[in-house]
Amino acid sequence: MASIRQERIAELIQQELSIIFQRNAREFCNGAMVSVTKVRIAPDLSVARVYLSIFGAKDKDEVLKHINTVKPKVKHALSQVIRHQLRKTPDLNFYIDDSLDYAMEIEELLKK
């Protein structure tokens, strides 16, 4: 169970990364629309698992691969925004959030 501090930091990172991906979609996301659906942070605040939902791209894995290649730029942009709230910016690990696709698949199966 996450502590209140972990939850607050996760919310802060989620909000700021959403803004960063929105403003820099061309550079960071190959023009695809990326939204941050969930952020989970380690108890020692050193690693953040960021779950992304990717829209408007033919290949989601390709966009995720590109985001991972520009990860240092994303982390730097995040650290510039949250530098007054956190002493050290956590390492970012990006994952595709496929819960929406899974829910749509279940809905289709239930319709049949």
N, C-alpha and C. Protein backbone atom coordinates (compact mmCIF):
# COMPACT_ATOMS: atom_id res chain seq x y z
N MET A 1 0.84 -1.18 0.00
CA MET A 1 0.00 0.00 0.00
C MET A 1 0.88 1.24 0.00
N ALA A 2 0.57 2.15 -0.88
CA ALA A 2 1.38 3.36 -1.03
C ALA A 2 1.06 4.37 0.08
N SER A 3 2.10 5.05 0.51
CA SER A 3 1.90 6.08 1.53
C SER A 3 1.29 7.32 0.90
N ILE A 4 0.86 8.24 1.73
CA ILE A 4 0.26 9.48 1.24
C ILE A 4 1.29 10.27 0.45
N ARG A 5 2.53 10.28 0.92
CA ARG A 5 3.60 11.00 0.21
C ARG A 5 3.81 10.41 -1.18
N GLN A 6 3.85 9.09 -1.28
CA GLN A 6 4.02 8.45 -2.58
C GLN A 6 2.88 8.81 -3.52
N GLU A 7 1.66 8.80 -3.02
CA GLU A 7 0.50 9.12 -3.84
C GLU A 7 0.55 10.56 -4.33
N ARG A 8 0.94 11.48 -3.47
CA ARG A 8 1.02 12.89 -3.86
C ARG A 8 2.10 13.12 -4.91
N ILE A 9 3.24 12.49 -4.73
CA ILE A 9 4.32 12.64 -5.70
C ILE A 9 3.93 11.99 -7.02
N ALA A 10 3.25 10.86 -6.97
CA ALA A 10 2.79 10.20 -8.19
C ALA A 10 1.80 11.09 -8.94
N GLU A 11 0.90 11.74 -8.22
CA GLU A 11 -0.06 12.65 -8.85
C GLU A 11 0.66 13.84 -9.48
N LEU A 12 1.64 14.38 -8.78
CA LEU A 12 2.41 15.50 -9.30
C LEU A 12 3.13 15.12 -10.59
N ILE A 13 3.78 13.96 -10.59
CA ILE A 13 4.49 13.50 -11.77
C ILE A 13 3.52 13.24 -12.92
N GLN A 14 2.36 12.67 -12.61
CA GLN A 14 1.36 12.39 -13.65
C GLN A 14 0.88 13.69 -14.30
N GLN A 15 0.57 14.69 -13.50
CA GLN A 15 0.09 15.96 -14.05
C GLN A 15 1.15 16.64 -14.90
N GLU A 16 2.37 16.69 -14.40
CA GLU A 16 3.42 17.39 -15.11
C GLU A 16 3.85 16.66 -16.39
N LEU A 17 3.91 15.32 -16.33
CA LEU A 17 4.25 14.57 -17.54
C LEU A 17 3.17 14.71 -18.60
N SER A 18 1.91 14.77 -18.18
CA SER A 18 0.83 14.97 -19.14
C SER A 18 1.01 16.28 -19.89
N ILE A 19 1.36 17.33 -19.16
CA ILE A 19 1.58 18.64 -19.78
C ILE A 19 2.80 18.59 -20.71
N ILE A 20 3.86 17.94 -20.26
CA ILE A 20 5.08 17.84 -21.07
C ILE A 20 4.80 17.09 -22.37
N PHE A 21 4.08 15.97 -22.31
CA PHE A 21 3.78 15.21 -23.52
C PHE A 21 2.83 15.98 -24.44
N GLN A 22 1.94 16.76 -23.86
CA GLN A 22 1.02 17.55 -24.66
C GLN A 22 1.76 18.66 -25.41
N ARG A 23 2.65 19.34 -24.74
CA ARG A 23 3.38 20.46 -25.34
C ARG A 23 4.44 20.00 -26.33
N ASN A 24 5.03 18.85 -26.10
CA ASN A 24 6.14 18.37 -26.93
C ASN A 24 5.77 17.09 -27.67
N ALA A 25 4.55 16.98 -28.13
CA ALA A 25 4.09 15.74 -28.78
C ALA A 25 4.88 15.42 -30.03
N ARG A 26 5.25 16.42 -30.77
CA ARG A 26 5.98 16.19 -32.02
C ARG A 26 7.37 15.62 -31.75
N GLU A 27 8.04 16.18 -30.75
CA GLU A 27 9.41 15.76 -30.46
C GLU A 27 9.47 14.44 -29.69
N PHE A 28 8.65 14.32 -28.65
CA PHE A 28 8.74 13.17 -27.75
C PHE A 28 7.90 11.98 -28.22
N CYS A 29 6.78 12.24 -28.90
CA CYS A 29 5.80 11.18 -29.17
C CYS A 29 5.58 10.90 -30.65
N ASN A 30 6.44 11.42 -31.51
CA ASN A 30 6.27 11.25 -32.96
C ASN A 30 4.92 11.75 -33.44
N GLY A 31 4.38 12.78 -32.81
CA GLY A 31 3.12 13.36 -33.23
C GLY A 31 1.88 12.65 -32.71
N ALA A 32 2.04 11.54 -32.01
CA ALA A 32 0.89 10.82 -31.46
C ALA A 32 0.41 11.51 -30.19
N MET A 33 -0.85 11.29 -29.86
CA MET A 33 -1.39 11.83 -28.63
C MET A 33 -1.13 10.82 -27.51
N VAL A 34 -0.43 11.26 -26.49
CA VAL A 34 -0.07 10.38 -25.38
C VAL A 34 -0.64 10.97 -24.11
N SER A 35 -1.34 10.13 -23.35
CA SER A 35 -1.83 10.56 -22.05
C SER A 35 -1.27 9.64 -20.97
N VAL A 36 -0.98 10.23 -19.85
CA VAL A 36 -0.44 9.48 -18.72
C VAL A 36 -1.62 9.00 -17.89
N THR A 37 -1.82 7.68 -17.83
CA THR A 37 -2.99 7.15 -17.14
C THR A 37 -2.72 6.85 -15.67
N LYS A 38 -1.50 6.42 -15.37
CA LYS A 38 -1.20 6.04 -13.98
C LYS A 38 0.30 6.17 -13.75
N VAL A 39 0.66 6.59 -12.55
CA VAL A 39 2.06 6.63 -12.14
C VAL A 39 2.15 5.91 -10.80
N ARG A 40 3.05 4.96 -10.72
CA ARG A 40 3.32 4.27 -9.46
C ARG A 40 4.77 4.53 -9.11
N ILE A 41 5.01 4.92 -7.88
CA ILE A 41 6.35 5.29 -7.47
C ILE A 41 6.84 4.35 -6.38
N ALA A 42 8.11 4.04 -6.40
CA ALA A 42 8.71 3.12 -5.43
C ALA A 42 8.73 3.78 -4.04
N PRO A 43 8.75 2.98 -3.00
CA PRO A 43 8.75 3.54 -1.63
C PRO A 43 9.94 4.47 -1.35
N ASP A 44 11.08 4.22 -1.99
CA ASP A 44 12.23 5.10 -1.77
C ASP A 44 12.26 6.28 -2.74
N LEU A 45 11.22 6.43 -3.55
CA LEU A 45 11.04 7.54 -4.49
C LEU A 45 12.13 7.60 -5.57
N SER A 46 12.76 6.47 -5.86
CA SER A 46 13.85 6.47 -6.83
C SER A 46 13.38 6.09 -8.24
N VAL A 47 12.28 5.35 -8.35
CA VAL A 47 11.80 4.88 -9.64
C VAL A 47 10.30 5.12 -9.75
N ALA A 48 9.89 5.65 -10.89
CA ALA A 48 8.47 5.84 -11.16
C ALA A 48 8.09 5.02 -12.38
N ARG A 49 7.04 4.22 -12.24
CA ARG A 49 6.50 3.46 -13.37
C ARG A 49 5.37 4.28 -13.95
N VAL A 50 5.54 4.68 -15.20
CA VAL A 50 4.59 5.57 -15.86
C VAL A 50 3.84 4.76 -16.92
N TYR A 51 2.52 4.71 -16.80
CA TYR A 51 1.68 3.98 -17.74
C TYR A 51 1.07 4.98 -18.73
N LEU A 52 1.27 4.71 -20.01
CA LEU A 52 0.86 5.63 -21.07
C LEU A 52 -0.23 5.02 -21.92
N SER A 53 -1.17 5.85 -22.32
CA SER A 53 -2.18 5.47 -23.29
C SER A 53 -1.88 6.25 -24.56
N ILE A 54 -1.71 5.56 -25.68
CA ILE A 54 -1.25 6.17 -26.92
C ILE A 54 -2.37 6.12 -27.95
N PHE A 55 -2.70 7.30 -28.51
CA PHE A 55 -3.77 7.42 -29.51
C PHE A 55 -3.18 8.04 -30.78
N GLY A 56 -3.77 7.70 -31.90
CA GLY A 56 -3.39 8.33 -33.16
C GLY A 56 -2.08 7.84 -33.74
N ALA A 57 -1.66 6.67 -33.35
CA ALA A 57 -0.42 6.11 -33.90
C ALA A 57 -0.73 4.73 -34.49
N LYS A 58 -0.07 4.43 -35.58
CA LYS A 58 -0.27 3.12 -36.20
C LYS A 58 0.36 2.02 -35.35
N ASP A 59 1.53 2.30 -34.81
CA ASP A 59 2.24 1.31 -34.02
C ASP A 59 2.57 1.90 -32.65
N LYS A 60 1.86 1.44 -31.64
CA LYS A 60 2.07 1.95 -30.28
C LYS A 60 3.45 1.59 -29.75
N ASP A 61 3.92 0.41 -30.10
CA ASP A 61 5.25 -0.01 -29.64
C ASP A 61 6.35 0.88 -30.18
N GLU A 62 6.17 1.34 -31.40
CA GLU A 62 7.16 2.24 -32.01
C GLU A 62 7.21 3.58 -31.27
N VAL A 63 6.04 4.09 -30.90
CA VAL A 63 5.98 5.35 -30.14
C VAL A 63 6.62 5.16 -28.77
N LEU A 64 6.32 4.04 -28.11
CA LEU A 64 6.91 3.76 -26.80
C LEU A 64 8.43 3.63 -26.92
N LYS A 65 8.90 3.01 -27.98
CA LYS A 65 10.33 2.86 -28.20
C LYS A 65 10.99 4.23 -28.38
N HIS A 66 10.31 5.12 -29.11
CA HIS A 66 10.84 6.48 -29.30
C HIS A 66 10.85 7.26 -27.99
N ILE A 67 9.81 7.11 -27.20
CA ILE A 67 9.75 7.79 -25.90
C ILE A 67 10.90 7.31 -25.01
N ASN A 68 11.19 6.02 -25.07
CA ASN A 68 12.30 5.49 -24.28
C ASN A 68 13.66 5.99 -24.76
N THR A 69 13.77 6.30 -26.06
CA THR A 69 15.04 6.84 -26.54
C THR A 69 15.24 8.29 -26.13
N VAL A 70 14.13 9.03 -25.97
CA VAL A 70 14.24 10.44 -25.55
C VAL A 70 13.97 10.59 -24.05
N LYS A 71 14.05 9.48 -23.33
CA LYS A 71 13.79 9.49 -21.89
C LYS A 71 14.63 10.51 -21.13
N PRO A 72 15.93 10.68 -21.45
CA PRO A 72 16.70 11.72 -20.73
C PRO A 72 16.14 13.12 -20.92
N LYS A 73 15.64 13.43 -22.11
CA LYS A 73 15.04 14.74 -22.35
C LYS A 73 13.75 14.91 -21.57
N VAL A 74 12.95 13.85 -21.52
CA VAL A 74 11.70 13.89 -20.77
C VAL A 74 11.99 14.08 -19.28
N LYS A 75 12.97 13.34 -18.77
CA LYS A 75 13.32 13.45 -17.36
C LYS A 75 13.85 14.85 -17.04
N HIS A 76 14.64 15.42 -17.95
CA HIS A 76 15.16 16.77 -17.73
C HIS A 76 14.02 17.80 -17.71
N ALA A 77 13.08 17.66 -18.65
CA ALA A 77 11.94 18.57 -18.68
C ALA A 77 11.12 18.45 -17.40
N LEU A 78 10.95 17.22 -16.91
CA LEU A 78 10.21 17.01 -15.66
C LEU A 78 10.97 17.59 -14.48
N SER A 79 12.27 17.40 -14.45
CA SER A 79 13.06 17.90 -13.32
C SER A 79 13.06 19.42 -13.27
N GLN A 80 12.97 20.08 -14.42
CA GLN A 80 12.91 21.53 -14.43
C GLN A 80 11.62 22.05 -13.80
N VAL A 81 10.55 21.28 -13.93
CA VAL A 81 9.26 21.71 -13.40
C VAL A 81 9.12 21.39 -11.91
N ILE A 82 9.59 20.21 -11.49
CA ILE A 82 9.36 19.78 -10.10
C ILE A 82 10.58 19.97 -9.21
N ARG A 83 11.53 20.77 -9.64
CA ARG A 83 12.77 20.90 -8.88
C ARG A 83 12.59 21.52 -7.51
N HIS A 84 11.51 22.28 -7.30
CA HIS A 84 11.28 22.87 -5.99
C HIS A 84 10.49 21.95 -5.05
N GLN A 85 9.85 20.92 -5.61
CA GLN A 85 9.09 19.99 -4.79
C GLN A 85 9.90 18.76 -4.39
N LEU A 86 10.77 18.31 -5.29
CA LEU A 86 11.56 17.10 -5.02
C LEU A 86 13.03 17.40 -5.13
N ARG A 87 13.80 16.79 -4.27
CA ARG A 87 15.25 16.96 -4.31
C ARG A 87 15.85 16.23 -5.51
N LYS A 88 15.38 15.02 -5.75
CA LYS A 88 15.91 14.20 -6.85
C LYS A 88 14.74 13.69 -7.68
N THR A 89 14.86 13.83 -8.98
CA THR A 89 13.82 13.35 -9.88
C THR A 89 13.96 11.83 -10.04
N PRO A 90 12.88 11.08 -9.85
CA PRO A 90 12.99 9.62 -9.97
C PRO A 90 13.25 9.20 -11.41
N ASP A 91 13.86 8.02 -11.56
CA ASP A 91 14.03 7.43 -12.88
C ASP A 91 12.65 7.05 -13.42
N LEU A 92 12.47 7.23 -14.71
CA LEU A 92 11.16 6.98 -15.32
C LEU A 92 11.21 5.71 -16.15
N ASN A 93 10.28 4.82 -15.90
CA ASN A 93 10.10 3.61 -16.71
C ASN A 93 8.72 3.70 -17.35
N PHE A 94 8.67 3.66 -18.68
CA PHE A 94 7.42 3.83 -19.40
C PHE A 94 6.86 2.48 -19.84
N TYR A 95 5.54 2.34 -19.70
CA TYR A 95 4.83 1.13 -20.10
C TYR A 95 3.54 1.53 -20.81
N ILE A 96 3.09 0.69 -21.73
CA ILE A 96 1.81 0.94 -22.40
C ILE A 96 0.69 0.44 -21.50
N ASP A 97 -0.29 1.30 -21.27
CA ASP A 97 -1.47 0.92 -20.49
C ASP A 97 -2.50 0.38 -21.46
N ASP A 98 -2.71 -0.92 -21.42
CA ASP A 98 -3.65 -1.55 -22.34
C ASP A 98 -4.98 -1.89 -21.68
N SER A 99 -5.29 -1.26 -20.57
CA SER A 99 -6.53 -1.57 -19.87
C SER A 99 -7.75 -1.16 -20.69
N LEU A 100 -7.66 -0.06 -21.45
CA LEU A 100 -8.78 0.37 -22.29
C LEU A 100 -9.01 -0.63 -23.41
N ASP A 101 -7.95 -1.11 -24.03
CA ASP A 101 -8.08 -2.13 -25.08
C ASP A 101 -8.68 -3.41 -24.51
N TYR A 102 -8.26 -3.78 -23.32
CA TYR A 102 -8.77 -4.98 -22.67
C TYR A 102 -10.25 -4.84 -22.37
N ALA A 103 -10.66 -3.67 -21.88
CA ALA A 103 -12.07 -3.43 -21.57
C ALA A 103 -12.93 -3.48 -22.84
N MET A 104 -12.42 -2.94 -23.93
CA MET A 104 -13.16 -2.98 -25.19
C MET A 104 -13.28 -4.41 -25.71
N GLU A 105 -12.24 -5.20 -25.52
CA GLU A 105 -12.26 -6.60 -25.94
C GLU A 105 -13.31 -7.39 -25.14
N ILE A 106 -13.35 -7.14 -23.85
CA ILE A 106 -14.34 -7.82 -23.00
C ILE A 106 -15.76 -7.40 -23.39
N GLU A 107 -15.93 -6.12 -23.70
CA GLU A 107 -17.25 -5.62 -24.10
C GLU A 107 -17.70 -6.28 -25.41
N GLU A 108 -16.80 -6.44 -26.35
CA GLU A 108 -17.11 -7.09 -27.61
C GLU A 108 -17.50 -8.56 -27.39
N LEU A 109 -16.79 -9.22 -26.48
CA LEU A 109 -17.11 -10.63 -26.19
C LEU A 109 -18.47 -10.75 -25.53
N LEU A 110 -18.81 -9.79 -24.69
CA LEU A 110 -20.12 -9.83 -24.02
C LEU A 110 -21.26 -9.55 -24.99
N LYS A 111 -21.02 -8.78 -26.02
CA LYS A 111 -22.06 -8.49 -27.01
C LYS A 111 -22.39 -9.71 -27.85
N LYS A 112 -21.43 -10.61 -28.02
CA LYS A 112 -21.65 -11.80 -28.86
C LYS A 112 -22.43 -12.86 -28.17
